[in-house]
Amino acid sequence: MGIRWKSVATVAGAVVVALVFFVTALRGRVWAWLPCALAVAVAVRELRWLQRDGRRGREAGFDQPRR
């Protein structure tokens, strides 16, 4: 099971978008908080999915016979 590069790209893109809108919000644009929060939510969701997917490959497999 390899790295899910599309998910990694999604996280990286969401972080970049969140940073851009965060800086915009700090400069006084109140409307920029909504896209910033949405981008952070997308990044967190993808990170959690990547972590869960990584753990799925390392499960103990108690229902499988020993080799």
PDB file of N, CA and C in Angstrom:
ATOM      1  N   MET A   1       0.844  -1.174   0.000  1.00  0.00           N
ATOM      2  CA  MET A   1       0.000   0.000   0.000  1.00  0.00           C
ATOM      3  C   MET A   1       0.890   1.239   0.000  1.00  0.00           C
ATOM      4  N   GLY A   2       0.776   2.050  -1.017  1.00  0.00           N
ATOM      5  CA  GLY A   2       1.634   3.213  -1.147  1.00  0.00           C
ATOM      6  C   GLY A   2       0.991   4.484  -0.606  1.00  0.00           C
ATOM      7  N   ILE A   3       1.663   5.547  -0.855  1.00  0.00           N
ATOM      8  CA  ILE A   3       1.181   6.845  -0.416  1.00  0.00           C
ATOM      9  C   ILE A   3       0.093   7.309  -1.375  1.00  0.00           C
ATOM     10  N   ARG A   4      -0.966   7.868  -0.837  1.00  0.00           N
ATOM     11  CA  ARG A   4      -2.048   8.426  -1.646  1.00  0.00           C
ATOM     12  C   ARG A   4      -1.670   9.859  -2.019  1.00  0.00           C
ATOM     13  N   TRP A   5      -1.023  10.002  -3.174  1.00  0.00           N
ATOM     14  CA  TRP A   5      -0.481  11.306  -3.555  1.00  0.00           C
ATOM     15  C   TRP A   5      -1.567  12.333  -3.813  1.00  0.00           C
ATOM     16  N   LYS A   6      -2.733  11.889  -4.276  1.00  0.00           N
ATOM     17  CA  LYS A   6      -3.820  12.849  -4.494  1.00  0.00           C
ATOM     18  C   LYS A   6      -4.289  13.438  -3.171  1.00  0.00           C
ATOM     19  N   SER A   7      -4.327  12.624  -2.138  1.00  0.00           N
ATOM     20  CA  SER A   7      -4.730  13.126  -0.829  1.00  0.00           C
ATOM     21  C   SER A   7      -3.664  14.050  -0.244  1.00  0.00           C
ATOM     22  N   VAL A   8      -2.407  13.709  -0.455  1.00  0.00           N
ATOM     23  CA  VAL A   8      -1.320  14.571   0.016  1.00  0.00           C
ATOM     24  C   VAL A   8      -1.384  15.922  -0.703  1.00  0.00           C
ATOM     25  N   ALA A   9      -1.669  15.893  -1.999  1.00  0.00           N
ATOM     26  CA  ALA A   9      -1.804  17.134  -2.757  1.00  0.00           C
ATOM     27  C   ALA A   9      -3.013  17.938  -2.284  1.00  0.00           C
ATOM     28  N   THR A  10      -4.090  17.243  -1.933  1.00  0.00           N
ATOM     29  CA  THR A  10      -5.277  17.930  -1.420  1.00  0.00           C
ATOM     30  C   THR A  10      -4.962  18.634  -0.108  1.00  0.00           C
ATOM     31  N   VAL A  11      -4.235  17.953   0.771  1.00  0.00           N
ATOM     32  CA  VAL A  11      -3.862  18.560   2.051  1.00  0.00           C
ATOM     33  C   VAL A  11      -2.963  19.768   1.820  1.00  0.00           C
ATOM     34  N   ALA A  12      -1.976  19.618   0.964  1.00  0.00           N
ATOM     35  CA  ALA A  12      -1.051  20.724   0.692  1.00  0.00           C
ATOM     36  C   ALA A  12      -1.792  21.911   0.074  1.00  0.00           C
ATOM     37  N   GLY A  13      -2.670  21.644  -0.873  1.00  0.00           N
ATOM     38  CA  GLY A  13      -3.437  22.722  -1.492  1.00  0.00           C
ATOM     39  C   GLY A  13      -4.362  23.406  -0.510  1.00  0.00           C
ATOM     40  N   ALA A  14      -5.002  22.629   0.348  1.00  0.00           N
ATOM     41  CA  ALA A  14      -5.909  23.215   1.339  1.00  0.00           C
ATOM     42  C   ALA A  14      -5.145  24.069   2.342  1.00  0.00           C
ATOM     43  N   VAL A  15      -3.948  23.643   2.703  1.00  0.00           N
ATOM     44  CA  VAL A  15      -3.136  24.436   3.628  1.00  0.00           C
ATOM     45  C   VAL A  15      -2.727  25.759   2.983  1.00  0.00           C
ATOM     46  N   VAL A  16      -2.349  25.719   1.719  1.00  0.00           N
ATOM     47  CA  VAL A  16      -1.970  26.950   1.020  1.00  0.00           C
ATOM     48  C   VAL A  16      -3.167  27.900   0.935  1.00  0.00           C
ATOM     49  N   VAL A  17      -4.330  27.370   0.565  1.00  0.00           N
ATOM     50  CA  VAL A  17      -5.528  28.204   0.475  1.00  0.00           C
ATOM     51  C   VAL A  17      -5.879  28.785   1.840  1.00  0.00           C
ATOM     52  N   ALA A  18      -5.787  27.949   2.890  1.00  0.00           N
ATOM     53  CA  ALA A  18      -6.099  28.416   4.237  1.00  0.00           C
ATOM     54  C   ALA A  18      -5.145  29.540   4.657  1.00  0.00           C
ATOM     55  N   LEU A  19      -3.869  29.399   4.351  1.00  0.00           N
ATOM     56  CA  LEU A  19      -2.910  30.446   4.702  1.00  0.00           C
ATOM     57  C   LEU A  19      -3.187  31.751   3.964  1.00  0.00           C
ATOM     58  N   VAL A  20      -3.519  31.648   2.686  1.00  0.00           N
ATOM     59  CA  VAL A  20      -3.815  32.851   1.906  1.00  0.00           C
ATOM     60  C   VAL A  20      -5.030  33.570   2.486  1.00  0.00           C
ATOM     61  N   PHE A  21      -6.086  32.812   2.774  1.00  0.00           N
ATOM     62  CA  PHE A  21      -7.287  33.448   3.310  1.00  0.00           C
ATOM     63  C   PHE A  21      -7.099  33.897   4.756  1.00  0.00           C
ATOM     64  N   PHE A  22      -6.241  33.221   5.497  1.00  0.00           N
ATOM     65  CA  PHE A  22      -5.953  33.655   6.863  1.00  0.00           C
ATOM     66  C   PHE A  22      -5.258  35.015   6.857  1.00  0.00           C
ATOM     67  N   VAL A  23      -4.273  35.159   5.982  1.00  0.00           N
ATOM     68  CA  VAL A  23      -3.575  36.443   5.864  1.00  0.00           C
ATOM     69  C   VAL A  23      -4.545  37.524   5.390  1.00  0.00           C
ATOM     70  N   THR A  24      -5.415  37.158   4.452  1.00  0.00           N
ATOM     71  CA  THR A  24      -6.419  38.109   3.971  1.00  0.00           C
ATOM     72  C   THR A  24      -7.356  38.521   5.100  1.00  0.00           C
ATOM     73  N   ALA A  25      -7.748  37.571   5.936  1.00  0.00           N
ATOM     74  CA  ALA A  25      -8.637  37.884   7.063  1.00  0.00           C
ATOM     75  C   ALA A  25      -7.929  38.773   8.082  1.00  0.00           C
ATOM     76  N   LEU A  26      -6.661  38.526   8.295  1.00  0.00           N
ATOM     77  CA  LEU A  26      -5.916  39.365   9.232  1.00  0.00           C
ATOM     78  C   LEU A  26      -5.748  40.793   8.727  1.00  0.00           C
ATOM     79  N   ARG A  27      -5.816  40.956   7.429  1.00  0.00           N
ATOM     80  CA  ARG A  27      -5.697  42.301   6.849  1.00  0.00           C
ATOM     81  C   ARG A  27      -7.023  43.039   6.851  1.00  0.00           C
ATOM     82  N   GLY A  28      -8.062  42.444   7.458  1.00  0.00           N
ATOM     83  CA  GLY A  28      -9.310  43.179   7.633  1.00  0.00           C
ATOM     84  C   GLY A  28     -10.487  42.707   6.805  1.00  0.00           C
ATOM     85  N   ARG A  29     -10.336  41.689   6.022  1.00  0.00           N
ATOM     86  CA  ARG A  29     -11.444  41.174   5.216  1.00  0.00           C
ATOM     87  C   ARG A  29     -12.176  40.095   6.003  1.00  0.00           C
ATOM     88  N   VAL A  30     -13.299  40.461   6.585  1.00  0.00           N
ATOM     89  CA  VAL A  30     -14.031  39.546   7.456  1.00  0.00           C
ATOM     90  C   VAL A  30     -14.565  38.339   6.682  1.00  0.00           C
ATOM     91  N   TRP A  31     -14.943  38.530   5.435  1.00  0.00           N
ATOM     92  CA  TRP A  31     -15.485  37.448   4.633  1.00  0.00           C
ATOM     93  C   TRP A  31     -14.475  36.322   4.411  1.00  0.00           C
ATOM     94  N   ALA A  32     -13.183  36.575   4.580  1.00  0.00           N
ATOM     95  CA  ALA A  32     -12.148  35.576   4.308  1.00  0.00           C
ATOM     96  C   ALA A  32     -12.080  34.485   5.374  1.00  0.00           C
ATOM     97  N   TRP A  33     -12.737  34.693   6.515  1.00  0.00           N
ATOM     98  CA  TRP A  33     -12.715  33.659   7.553  1.00  0.00           C
ATOM     99  C   TRP A  33     -13.452  32.394   7.109  1.00  0.00           C
ATOM    100  N   LEU A  34     -14.530  32.547   6.349  1.00  0.00           N
ATOM    101  CA  LEU A  34     -15.304  31.373   5.912  1.00  0.00           C
ATOM    102  C   LEU A  34     -14.492  30.456   4.992  1.00  0.00           C
ATOM    103  N   PRO A  35     -13.897  30.950   3.898  1.00  0.00           N
ATOM    104  CA  PRO A  35     -13.084  30.053   3.070  1.00  0.00           C
ATOM    105  C   PRO A  35     -11.870  29.489   3.821  1.00  0.00           C
ATOM    106  N   CYS A  36     -11.327  30.276   4.758  1.00  0.00           N
ATOM    107  CA  CYS A  36     -10.203  29.788   5.560  1.00  0.00           C
ATOM    108  C   CYS A  36     -10.642  28.590   6.403  1.00  0.00           C
ATOM    109  N   ALA A  37     -11.798  28.719   7.049  1.00  0.00           N
ATOM    110  CA  ALA A  37     -12.306  27.623   7.877  1.00  0.00           C
ATOM    111  C   ALA A  37     -12.640  26.394   7.029  1.00  0.00           C
ATOM    112  N   LEU A  38     -13.200  26.601   5.851  1.00  0.00           N
ATOM    113  CA  LEU A  38     -13.513  25.476   4.970  1.00  0.00           C
ATOM    114  C   LEU A  38     -12.238  24.763   4.501  1.00  0.00           C
ATOM    115  N   ALA A  39     -11.213  25.519   4.163  1.00  0.00           N
ATOM    116  CA  ALA A  39      -9.955  24.919   3.722  1.00  0.00           C
ATOM    117  C   ALA A  39      -9.302  24.131   4.857  1.00  0.00           C
ATOM    118  N   VAL A  40      -9.356  24.670   6.079  1.00  0.00           N
ATOM    119  CA  VAL A  40      -8.804  23.947   7.231  1.00  0.00           C
ATOM    120  C   VAL A  40      -9.588  22.659   7.458  1.00  0.00           C
ATOM    121  N   ALA A  41     -10.911  22.727   7.326  1.00  0.00           N
ATOM    122  CA  ALA A  41     -11.738  21.531   7.514  1.00  0.00           C
ATOM    123  C   ALA A  41     -11.401  20.453   6.480  1.00  0.00           C
ATOM    124  N   VAL A  42     -11.191  20.850   5.248  1.00  0.00           N
ATOM    125  CA  VAL A  42     -10.828  19.890   4.200  1.00  0.00           C
ATOM    126  C   VAL A  42      -9.468  19.263   4.510  1.00  0.00           C
ATOM    127  N   ALA A  43      -8.511  20.076   4.928  1.00  0.00           N
ATOM    128  CA  ALA A  43      -7.173  19.557   5.242  1.00  0.00           C
ATOM    129  C   ALA A  43      -7.226  18.579   6.412  1.00  0.00           C
ATOM    130  N   VAL A  44      -7.974  18.923   7.449  1.00  0.00           N
ATOM    131  CA  VAL A  44      -8.069  18.033   8.611  1.00  0.00           C
ATOM    132  C   VAL A  44      -8.757  16.727   8.230  1.00  0.00           C
ATOM    133  N   ARG A  45      -9.810  16.817   7.437  1.00  0.00           N
ATOM    134  CA  ARG A  45     -10.526  15.606   7.023  1.00  0.00           C
ATOM    135  C   ARG A  45      -9.607  14.679   6.220  1.00  0.00           C
ATOM    136  N   GLU A  46      -8.858  15.237   5.279  1.00  0.00           N
ATOM    137  CA  GLU A  46      -7.944  14.416   4.475  1.00  0.00           C
ATOM    138  C   GLU A  46      -6.819  13.838   5.321  1.00  0.00           C
ATOM    139  N   LEU A  47      -6.299  14.618   6.257  1.00  0.00           N
ATOM    140  CA  LEU A  47      -5.246  14.090   7.132  1.00  0.00           C
ATOM    141  C   LEU A  47      -5.764  12.921   7.958  1.00  0.00           C
ATOM    142  N   ARG A  48      -6.953  13.059   8.505  1.00  0.00           N
ATOM    143  CA  ARG A  48      -7.526  11.960   9.292  1.00  0.00           C
ATOM    144  C   ARG A  48      -7.761  10.737   8.418  1.00  0.00           C
ATOM    145  N   TRP A  49      -8.195  10.948   7.166  1.00  0.00           N
ATOM    146  CA  TRP A  49      -8.421   9.820   6.268  1.00  0.00           C
ATOM    147  C   TRP A  49      -7.092   9.141   5.931  1.00  0.00           C
ATOM    148  N   LEU A  50      -6.047   9.932   5.705  1.00  0.00           N
ATOM    149  CA  LEU A  50      -4.731   9.356   5.418  1.00  0.00           C
ATOM    150  C   LEU A  50      -4.218   8.550   6.612  1.00  0.00           C
ATOM    151  N   GLN A  51      -4.409   9.056   7.821  1.00  0.00           N
ATOM    152  CA  GLN A  51      -3.972   8.327   9.015  1.00  0.00           C
ATOM    153  C   GLN A  51      -4.758   7.034   9.177  1.00  0.00           C
ATOM    154  N   ARG A  52      -6.063   7.109   8.969  1.00  0.00           N
ATOM    155  CA  ARG A  52      -6.896   5.912   9.093  1.00  0.00           C
ATOM    156  C   ARG A  52      -6.522   4.892   8.028  1.00  0.00           C
ATOM    157  N   ASP A  53      -6.260   5.355   6.802  1.00  0.00           N
ATOM    158  CA  ASP A  53      -5.890   4.451   5.718  1.00  0.00           C
ATOM    159  C   ASP A  53      -4.531   3.813   5.992  1.00  0.00           C
ATOM    160  N   GLY A  54      -3.614   4.559   6.599  1.00  0.00           N
ATOM    161  CA  GLY A  54      -2.298   4.016   6.936  1.00  0.00           C
ATOM    162  C   GLY A  54      -2.378   2.956   8.009  1.00  0.00           C
ATOM    163  N   ARG A  55      -3.271   3.159   8.970  1.00  0.00           N
ATOM    164  CA  ARG A  55      -3.433   2.164  10.031  1.00  0.00           C
ATOM    165  C   ARG A  55      -4.100   0.900   9.517  1.00  0.00           C
ATOM    166  N   ARG A  56      -4.944   1.036   8.495  1.00  0.00           N
ATOM    167  CA  ARG A  56      -5.648  -0.121   7.960  1.00  0.00           C
ATOM    168  C   ARG A  56      -4.652  -1.155   7.421  1.00  0.00           C
ATOM    169  N   GLY A  57      -3.537  -0.690   6.886  1.00  0.00           N
ATOM    170  CA  GLY A  57      -2.542  -1.605   6.349  1.00  0.00           C
ATOM    171  C   GLY A  57      -1.735  -2.307   7.429  1.00  0.00           C
ATOM    172  N   ARG A  58      -1.732  -1.775   8.653  1.00  0.00           N
ATOM    173  CA  ARG A  58      -0.946  -2.359   9.734  1.00  0.00           C
ATOM    174  C   ARG A  58      -1.796  -3.120  10.739  1.00  0.00           C
ATOM    175  N   GLU A  59      -3.030  -3.456  10.391  1.00  0.00           N
ATOM    176  CA  GLU A  59      -3.883  -4.165  11.330  1.00  0.00           C
ATOM    177  C   GLU A  59      -3.291  -5.526  11.650  1.00  0.00           C
ATOM    178  N   ALA A  60      -3.644  -6.025  12.810  1.00  0.00           N
ATOM    179  CA  ALA A  60      -3.079  -7.283  13.274  1.00  0.00           C
ATOM    180  C   ALA A  60      -3.577  -8.464  12.461  1.00  0.00           C
ATOM    181  N   GLY A  61      -4.817  -8.444  12.022  1.00  0.00           N
ATOM    182  CA  GLY A  61      -5.347  -9.540  11.227  1.00  0.00           C
ATOM    183  C   GLY A  61      -5.544 -10.808  12.042  1.00  0.00           C
ATOM    184  N   PHE A  62      -6.215 -10.694  13.185  1.00  0.00           N
ATOM    185  CA  PHE A  62      -6.403 -11.838  14.057  1.00  0.00           C
ATOM    186  C   PHE A  62      -7.232 -12.940  13.416  1.00  0.00           C
ATOM    187  N   ASP A  63      -8.042 -12.587  12.445  1.00  0.00           N
ATOM    188  CA  ASP A  63      -8.886 -13.594  11.812  1.00  0.00           C
ATOM    189  C   ASP A  63      -8.159 -14.366  10.715  1.00  0.00           C
ATOM    190  N   GLN A  64      -6.917 -14.011  10.439  1.00  0.00           N
ATOM    191  CA  GLN A  64      -6.154 -14.699   9.399  1.00  0.00           C
ATOM    192  C   GLN A  64      -5.211 -15.719  10.042  1.00  0.00           C
ATOM    193  N   PRO A  65      -5.034 -16.854   9.401  1.00  0.00           N
ATOM    194  CA  PRO A  65      -4.132 -17.880   9.967  1.00  0.00           C
ATOM    195  C   PRO A  65      -2.677 -17.411   9.943  1.00  0.00           C
ATOM    196  N   ARG A  66      -1.900 -17.929  10.888  1.00  0.00           N
ATOM    197  CA  ARG A  66      -0.465 -17.592  10.941  1.00  0.00           C
ATOM    198  C   ARG A  66       0.264 -18.191   9.770  1.00  0.00           C
ATOM    199  N   ARG A  67       1.334 -17.561   9.399  1.00  0.00           N
ATOM    200  CA  ARG A  67       2.142 -18.075   8.282  1.00  0.00           C
ATOM    201  C   ARG A  67       3.303 -18.864   8.803  1.00  0.00           C
TER     202      ARG A  67
END
